[in-house]
Amino acid sequence: GDLAGAALLLRQALAGLRATLGDQHPHTLSSINNLGELLDAQGDLDGAAPLLREALAVSRATLGDQHPDTLNSINNLGGLLQAQGDLAGAAPLYLEALAGRRVTLGDHHPSTLISISNLEELLQAQGD
């Protein structure tokens, strides 16, 4: 796919959403997170980091720690930190996402199972 073109469109959409709906609207948060994830997928970890941190901070403040969107943001930031080699920083985020998903979604929900897999991969990388 055309990741560069997709990033350009997401940046345009995000600018429009920020201007019309504000930084704390769920659609804006979703676009912030999506752009961060796209940049992460492109290997632009430095570009992705502030977006994923912003998405998490605003999600925590507006939606709460246990909201599924917040849990996704927690998980996504954990993945970014792992990709950057910050395994110690990723671990508590993965644990928080897993615990929250177990409570809100249940043990057998696909997002919970993804959290289990992410934590397993991290533990392997840590050598634990």
N, C-alpha and C. Protein backbone atom coordinates (compact mmCIF):
# COMPACT_ATOMS: atom_id res chain seq x y z
N GLY A 1 0.81 -1.19 0.00
CA GLY A 1 0.00 0.00 0.00
C GLY A 1 0.85 1.26 0.00
N ASP A 2 0.19 2.32 -0.17
CA ASP A 2 0.83 3.64 -0.19
C ASP A 2 0.80 4.24 1.21
N LEU A 3 1.76 3.83 2.04
CA LEU A 3 1.79 4.30 3.42
C LEU A 3 2.05 5.79 3.51
N ALA A 4 2.90 6.30 2.64
CA ALA A 4 3.18 7.75 2.66
C ALA A 4 1.92 8.54 2.31
N GLY A 5 1.19 8.07 1.31
CA GLY A 5 -0.06 8.73 0.95
C GLY A 5 -1.09 8.64 2.06
N ALA A 6 -1.14 7.48 2.71
CA ALA A 6 -2.07 7.31 3.83
C ALA A 6 -1.71 8.24 4.98
N ALA A 7 -0.41 8.39 5.25
CA ALA A 7 0.02 9.28 6.33
C ALA A 7 -0.36 10.72 6.02
N LEU A 8 -0.21 11.12 4.77
CA LEU A 8 -0.58 12.48 4.37
C LEU A 8 -2.08 12.71 4.59
N LEU A 9 -2.89 11.76 4.18
CA LEU A 9 -4.34 11.88 4.36
C LEU A 9 -4.72 11.91 5.84
N LEU A 10 -4.06 11.06 6.63
CA LEU A 10 -4.34 11.07 8.07
C LEU A 10 -3.95 12.38 8.72
N ARG A 11 -2.83 12.95 8.29
CA ARG A 11 -2.42 14.26 8.83
C ARG A 11 -3.46 15.33 8.49
N GLN A 12 -3.96 15.30 7.26
CA GLN A 12 -4.99 16.26 6.86
C GLN A 12 -6.27 16.06 7.67
N ALA A 13 -6.68 14.81 7.82
CA ALA A 13 -7.89 14.52 8.59
C ALA A 13 -7.71 14.96 10.04
N LEU A 14 -6.55 14.68 10.60
CA LEU A 14 -6.29 15.04 11.99
C LEU A 14 -6.33 16.55 12.18
N ALA A 15 -5.73 17.28 11.27
CA ALA A 15 -5.76 18.75 11.37
C ALA A 15 -7.19 19.26 11.33
N GLY A 16 -7.99 18.71 10.45
CA GLY A 16 -9.39 19.11 10.37
C GLY A 16 -10.18 18.75 11.61
N LEU A 17 -9.94 17.56 12.14
CA LEU A 17 -10.64 17.13 13.36
C LEU A 17 -10.24 17.98 14.55
N ARG A 18 -8.96 18.29 14.66
CA ARG A 18 -8.52 19.15 15.76
C ARG A 18 -9.21 20.52 15.67
N ALA A 19 -9.30 21.04 14.45
CA ALA A 19 -9.89 22.37 14.26
C ALA A 19 -11.39 22.38 14.51
N THR A 20 -12.08 21.33 14.12
CA THR A 20 -13.54 21.34 14.23
C THR A 20 -14.07 20.70 15.50
N LEU A 21 -13.45 19.63 15.95
CA LEU A 21 -13.97 18.90 17.11
C LEU A 21 -13.15 19.09 18.38
N GLY A 22 -11.90 19.52 18.23
CA GLY A 22 -11.02 19.70 19.38
C GLY A 22 -10.17 18.47 19.64
N ASP A 23 -9.18 18.64 20.50
CA ASP A 23 -8.20 17.59 20.76
C ASP A 23 -8.75 16.42 21.56
N GLN A 24 -9.85 16.63 22.28
CA GLN A 24 -10.33 15.59 23.19
C GLN A 24 -11.50 14.78 22.63
N HIS A 25 -11.94 15.08 21.45
CA HIS A 25 -13.06 14.35 20.86
C HIS A 25 -12.60 12.92 20.48
N PRO A 26 -13.47 11.93 20.68
CA PRO A 26 -13.08 10.55 20.36
C PRO A 26 -12.61 10.35 18.91
N HIS A 27 -13.20 11.05 17.96
CA HIS A 27 -12.74 10.92 16.56
C HIS A 27 -11.33 11.48 16.39
N THR A 28 -11.04 12.57 17.09
CA THR A 28 -9.69 13.14 17.04
C THR A 28 -8.70 12.18 17.67
N LEU A 29 -9.07 11.64 18.83
CA LEU A 29 -8.19 10.68 19.51
C LEU A 29 -7.90 9.47 18.62
N SER A 30 -8.93 8.99 17.96
CA SER A 30 -8.75 7.84 17.07
C SER A 30 -7.79 8.18 15.94
N SER A 31 -7.90 9.37 15.38
CA SER A 31 -7.00 9.77 14.30
C SER A 31 -5.58 9.96 14.79
N ILE A 32 -5.42 10.51 15.99
CA ILE A 32 -4.07 10.66 16.56
C ILE A 32 -3.43 9.28 16.70
N ASN A 33 -4.19 8.35 17.27
CA ASN A 33 -3.69 7.00 17.47
C ASN A 33 -3.39 6.32 16.14
N ASN A 34 -4.29 6.46 15.17
CA ASN A 34 -4.10 5.83 13.87
C ASN A 34 -2.85 6.36 13.16
N LEU A 35 -2.63 7.67 13.24
CA LEU A 35 -1.44 8.23 12.62
C LEU A 35 -0.18 7.73 13.33
N GLY A 36 -0.23 7.68 14.65
CA GLY A 36 0.91 7.15 15.40
C GLY A 36 1.21 5.71 15.03
N GLU A 37 0.18 4.90 14.89
CA GLU A 37 0.36 3.50 14.51
C GLU A 37 0.90 3.38 13.08
N LEU A 38 0.43 4.23 12.19
CA LEU A 38 0.92 4.20 10.81
C LEU A 38 2.39 4.58 10.75
N LEU A 39 2.77 5.63 11.48
CA LEU A 39 4.18 6.03 11.50
C LEU A 39 5.03 4.93 12.11
N ASP A 40 4.52 4.28 13.15
CA ASP A 40 5.22 3.14 13.76
C ASP A 40 5.43 2.05 12.71
N ALA A 41 4.38 1.73 11.96
CA ALA A 41 4.48 0.69 10.93
C ALA A 41 5.47 1.06 9.84
N GLN A 42 5.63 2.36 9.59
CA GLN A 42 6.59 2.83 8.58
C GLN A 42 8.02 2.85 9.14
N GLY A 43 8.17 2.61 10.43
CA GLY A 43 9.48 2.65 11.04
C GLY A 43 9.86 4.02 11.56
N ASP A 44 8.94 4.98 11.52
CA ASP A 44 9.19 6.33 12.04
C ASP A 44 8.81 6.36 13.52
N LEU A 45 9.62 5.70 14.33
CA LEU A 45 9.31 5.58 15.75
C LEU A 45 9.36 6.93 16.46
N ASP A 46 10.28 7.79 16.05
CA ASP A 46 10.36 9.12 16.67
C ASP A 46 9.15 9.98 16.33
N GLY A 47 8.61 9.80 15.13
CA GLY A 47 7.40 10.53 14.76
C GLY A 47 6.16 9.96 15.44
N ALA A 48 6.15 8.66 15.65
CA ALA A 48 5.00 7.99 16.26
C ALA A 48 4.90 8.26 17.76
N ALA A 49 6.04 8.36 18.43
CA ALA A 49 6.05 8.44 19.90
C ALA A 49 5.20 9.57 20.46
N PRO A 50 5.38 10.82 20.01
CA PRO A 50 4.57 11.88 20.63
C PRO A 50 3.08 11.73 20.36
N LEU A 51 2.73 11.18 19.20
CA LEU A 51 1.32 10.98 18.89
C LEU A 51 0.71 9.91 19.80
N LEU A 52 1.41 8.80 19.97
CA LEU A 52 0.88 7.74 20.82
C LEU A 52 0.84 8.17 22.29
N ARG A 53 1.82 8.96 22.71
CA ARG A 53 1.79 9.48 24.09
C ARG A 53 0.62 10.45 24.28
N GLU A 54 0.39 11.30 23.29
CA GLU A 54 -0.74 12.23 23.36
C GLU A 54 -2.06 11.48 23.40
N ALA A 55 -2.21 10.51 22.52
CA ALA A 55 -3.45 9.73 22.48
C ALA A 55 -3.71 9.08 23.83
N LEU A 56 -2.68 8.53 24.44
CA LEU A 56 -2.86 7.88 25.73
C LEU A 56 -3.21 8.88 26.82
N ALA A 57 -2.49 9.98 26.88
CA ALA A 57 -2.75 10.98 27.93
C ALA A 57 -4.17 11.53 27.83
N VAL A 58 -4.60 11.86 26.64
CA VAL A 58 -5.94 12.42 26.47
C VAL A 58 -7.00 11.35 26.71
N SER A 59 -6.75 10.13 26.27
CA SER A 59 -7.70 9.04 26.52
C SER A 59 -7.88 8.79 28.01
N ARG A 60 -6.77 8.76 28.73
CA ARG A 60 -6.86 8.56 30.19
C ARG A 60 -7.70 9.67 30.82
N ALA A 61 -7.44 10.91 30.41
CA ALA A 61 -8.12 12.06 31.02
C ALA A 61 -9.59 12.13 30.65
N THR A 62 -9.94 11.77 29.43
CA THR A 62 -11.32 11.96 28.98
C THR A 62 -12.16 10.70 29.05
N LEU A 63 -11.57 9.54 28.80
CA LEU A 63 -12.33 8.30 28.74
C LEU A 63 -12.16 7.42 29.97
N GLY A 64 -11.05 7.61 30.68
CA GLY A 64 -10.76 6.79 31.85
C GLY A 64 -9.81 5.65 31.52
N ASP A 65 -9.20 5.10 32.55
CA ASP A 65 -8.17 4.08 32.38
C ASP A 65 -8.69 2.75 31.83
N GLN A 66 -9.95 2.43 32.06
CA GLN A 66 -10.47 1.13 31.67
C GLN A 66 -11.25 1.14 30.35
N HIS A 67 -11.36 2.28 29.71
CA HIS A 67 -12.08 2.35 28.43
C HIS A 67 -11.30 1.56 27.38
N PRO A 68 -11.99 0.80 26.52
CA PRO A 68 -11.27 0.03 25.50
C PRO A 68 -10.33 0.87 24.62
N ASP A 69 -10.70 2.10 24.30
CA ASP A 69 -9.80 2.94 23.50
C ASP A 69 -8.54 3.30 24.27
N THR A 70 -8.69 3.56 25.57
CA THR A 70 -7.52 3.84 26.40
C THR A 70 -6.63 2.61 26.48
N LEU A 71 -7.24 1.45 26.66
CA LEU A 71 -6.47 0.21 26.73
C LEU A 71 -5.73 -0.04 25.42
N ASN A 72 -6.35 0.29 24.29
CA ASN A 72 -5.66 0.17 23.00
C ASN A 72 -4.47 1.13 22.94
N SER A 73 -4.65 2.34 23.44
CA SER A 73 -3.55 3.31 23.45
C SER A 73 -2.41 2.85 24.34
N ILE A 74 -2.75 2.27 25.48
CA ILE A 74 -1.73 1.73 26.39
C ILE A 74 -0.93 0.64 25.66
N ASN A 75 -1.65 -0.27 25.03
CA ASN A 75 -1.01 -1.36 24.31
C ASN A 75 -0.14 -0.83 23.17
N ASN A 76 -0.65 0.14 22.43
CA ASN A 76 0.11 0.68 21.30
C ASN A 76 1.39 1.36 21.74
N LEU A 77 1.33 2.11 22.83
CA LEU A 77 2.55 2.75 23.33
C LEU A 77 3.53 1.70 23.82
N GLY A 78 3.03 0.65 24.45
CA GLY A 78 3.90 -0.45 24.85
C GLY A 78 4.62 -1.06 23.65
N GLY A 79 3.90 -1.24 22.56
CA GLY A 79 4.51 -1.78 21.35
C GLY A 79 5.59 -0.87 20.78
N LEU A 80 5.33 0.42 20.83
CA LEU A 80 6.33 1.38 20.34
C LEU A 80 7.58 1.33 21.21
N LEU A 81 7.39 1.33 22.52
CA LEU A 81 8.55 1.27 23.41
C LEU A 81 9.35 -0.01 23.19
N GLN A 82 8.64 -1.12 22.99
CA GLN A 82 9.34 -2.37 22.70
C GLN A 82 10.14 -2.25 21.41
N ALA A 83 9.54 -1.66 20.38
CA ALA A 83 10.24 -1.49 19.10
C ALA A 83 11.46 -0.59 19.25
N GLN A 84 11.40 0.37 20.19
CA GLN A 84 12.53 1.25 20.44
C GLN A 84 13.59 0.59 21.33
N GLY A 85 13.31 -0.61 21.80
CA GLY A 85 14.25 -1.31 22.66
C GLY A 85 14.08 -1.02 24.13
N ASP A 86 13.05 -0.27 24.49
CA ASP A 86 12.78 0.05 25.90
C ASP A 86 11.86 -1.01 26.49
N LEU A 87 12.43 -2.19 26.73
CA LEU A 87 11.64 -3.30 27.23
C LEU A 87 11.12 -3.04 28.63
N ALA A 88 11.93 -2.36 29.45
CA ALA A 88 11.49 -2.04 30.81
C ALA A 88 10.33 -1.06 30.80
N GLY A 89 10.28 -0.16 29.83
CA GLY A 89 9.16 0.77 29.73
C GLY A 89 7.92 0.12 29.15
N ALA A 90 8.11 -0.85 28.25
CA ALA A 90 6.98 -1.52 27.61
C ALA A 90 6.27 -2.46 28.57
N ALA A 91 7.01 -3.11 29.46
CA ALA A 91 6.43 -4.15 30.32
C ALA A 91 5.25 -3.67 31.15
N PRO A 92 5.36 -2.56 31.90
CA PRO A 92 4.20 -2.15 32.70
C PRO A 92 3.00 -1.74 31.86
N LEU A 93 3.25 -1.23 30.67
CA LEU A 93 2.14 -0.87 29.78
C LEU A 93 1.43 -2.12 29.29
N TYR A 94 2.19 -3.11 28.87
CA TYR A 94 1.57 -4.37 28.43
C TYR A 94 0.79 -5.02 29.58
N LEU A 95 1.36 -4.99 30.78
CA LEU A 95 0.66 -5.57 31.93
C LEU A 95 -0.62 -4.81 32.24
N GLU A 96 -0.57 -3.49 32.16
CA GLU A 96 -1.76 -2.68 32.41
C GLU A 96 -2.84 -2.94 31.36
N ALA A 97 -2.43 -3.01 30.10
CA ALA A 97 -3.40 -3.29 29.03
C ALA A 97 -4.03 -4.66 29.22
N LEU A 98 -3.23 -5.65 29.56
CA LEU A 98 -3.76 -7.00 29.77
C LEU A 98 -4.74 -7.03 30.93
N ALA A 99 -4.36 -6.44 32.06
CA ALA A 99 -5.24 -6.44 33.23
C ALA A 99 -6.55 -5.72 32.92
N GLY A 100 -6.47 -4.58 32.27
CA GLY A 100 -7.67 -3.83 31.93
C GLY A 100 -8.56 -4.58 30.95
N ARG A 101 -7.96 -5.21 29.97
CA ARG A 101 -8.74 -5.95 28.99
C ARG A 101 -9.40 -7.18 29.62
N ARG A 102 -8.71 -7.82 30.54
CA ARG A 102 -9.34 -8.95 31.23
C ARG A 102 -10.58 -8.51 31.98
N VAL A 103 -10.50 -7.36 32.64
CA VAL A 103 -11.63 -6.86 33.42
C VAL A 103 -12.76 -6.40 32.50
N THR A 104 -12.44 -5.62 31.49
CA THR A 104 -13.49 -5.01 30.67
C THR A 104 -13.98 -5.89 29.53
N LEU A 105 -13.12 -6.73 29.00
CA LEU A 105 -13.48 -7.50 27.81
C LEU A 105 -13.58 -9.01 28.06
N GLY A 106 -12.92 -9.47 29.11
CA GLY A 106 -12.92 -10.91 29.40
C GLY A 106 -11.66 -11.58 28.88
N ASP A 107 -11.43 -12.78 29.40
CA ASP A 107 -10.20 -13.52 29.09
C ASP A 107 -10.11 -14.01 27.65
N HIS A 108 -11.24 -14.18 26.98
CA HIS A 108 -11.22 -14.80 25.65
C HIS A 108 -11.47 -13.82 24.51
N HIS A 109 -11.53 -12.53 24.83
CA HIS A 109 -11.72 -11.52 23.79
C HIS A 109 -10.44 -11.41 22.95
N PRO A 110 -10.57 -11.21 21.64
CA PRO A 110 -9.37 -11.10 20.80
C PRO A 110 -8.36 -10.05 21.28
N SER A 111 -8.82 -8.92 21.78
CA SER A 111 -7.88 -7.89 22.27
C SER A 111 -7.13 -8.38 23.50
N THR A 112 -7.80 -9.13 24.37
CA THR A 112 -7.13 -9.69 25.54
C THR A 112 -6.08 -10.70 25.10
N LEU A 113 -6.43 -11.53 24.14
CA LEU A 113 -5.48 -12.53 23.64
C LEU A 113 -4.29 -11.87 22.97
N ILE A 114 -4.51 -10.75 22.29
CA ILE A 114 -3.39 -10.00 21.71
C ILE A 114 -2.48 -9.48 22.82
N SER A 115 -3.07 -9.00 23.91
CA SER A 115 -2.26 -8.52 25.03
C SER A 115 -1.42 -9.65 25.62
N ILE A 116 -2.00 -10.83 25.73
CA ILE A 116 -1.24 -11.98 26.24
C ILE A 116 -0.07 -12.28 25.30
N SER A 117 -0.33 -12.27 24.01
CA SER A 117 0.73 -12.53 23.03
C SER A 117 1.82 -11.47 23.08
N ASN A 118 1.42 -10.20 23.21
CA ASN A 118 2.41 -9.12 23.29
C ASN A 118 3.30 -9.29 24.51
N LEU A 119 2.69 -9.62 25.64
CA LEU A 119 3.47 -9.80 26.87
C LEU A 119 4.40 -11.00 26.73
N GLU A 120 3.92 -12.06 26.12
CA GLU A 120 4.76 -13.25 25.91
C GLU A 120 5.98 -12.90 25.06
N GLU A 121 5.76 -12.16 23.98
CA GLU A 121 6.88 -11.76 23.11
C GLU A 121 7.88 -10.88 23.86
N LEU A 122 7.36 -9.99 24.70
CA LEU A 122 8.23 -9.12 25.48
C LEU A 122 9.07 -9.94 26.46
N LEU A 123 8.44 -10.89 27.14
CA LEU A 123 9.17 -11.72 28.09
C LEU A 123 10.25 -12.52 27.39
N GLN A 124 9.96 -13.01 26.19
CA GLN A 124 10.99 -13.70 25.41
C GLN A 124 12.15 -12.77 25.09
N ALA A 125 11.82 -11.55 24.68
CA ALA A 125 12.87 -10.58 24.34
C ALA A 125 13.72 -10.22 25.56
N GLN A 126 13.08 -10.21 26.74
CA GLN A 126 13.81 -9.91 27.97
C GLN A 126 14.63 -11.10 28.44
N GLY A 127 14.32 -12.27 27.92
CA GLY A 127 15.01 -13.47 28.35
C GLY A 127 14.45 -14.05 29.63
N ASP A 128 13.23 -13.61 30.01
CA ASP A 128 12.59 -14.14 31.24
C ASP A 128 11.80 -15.39 30.92
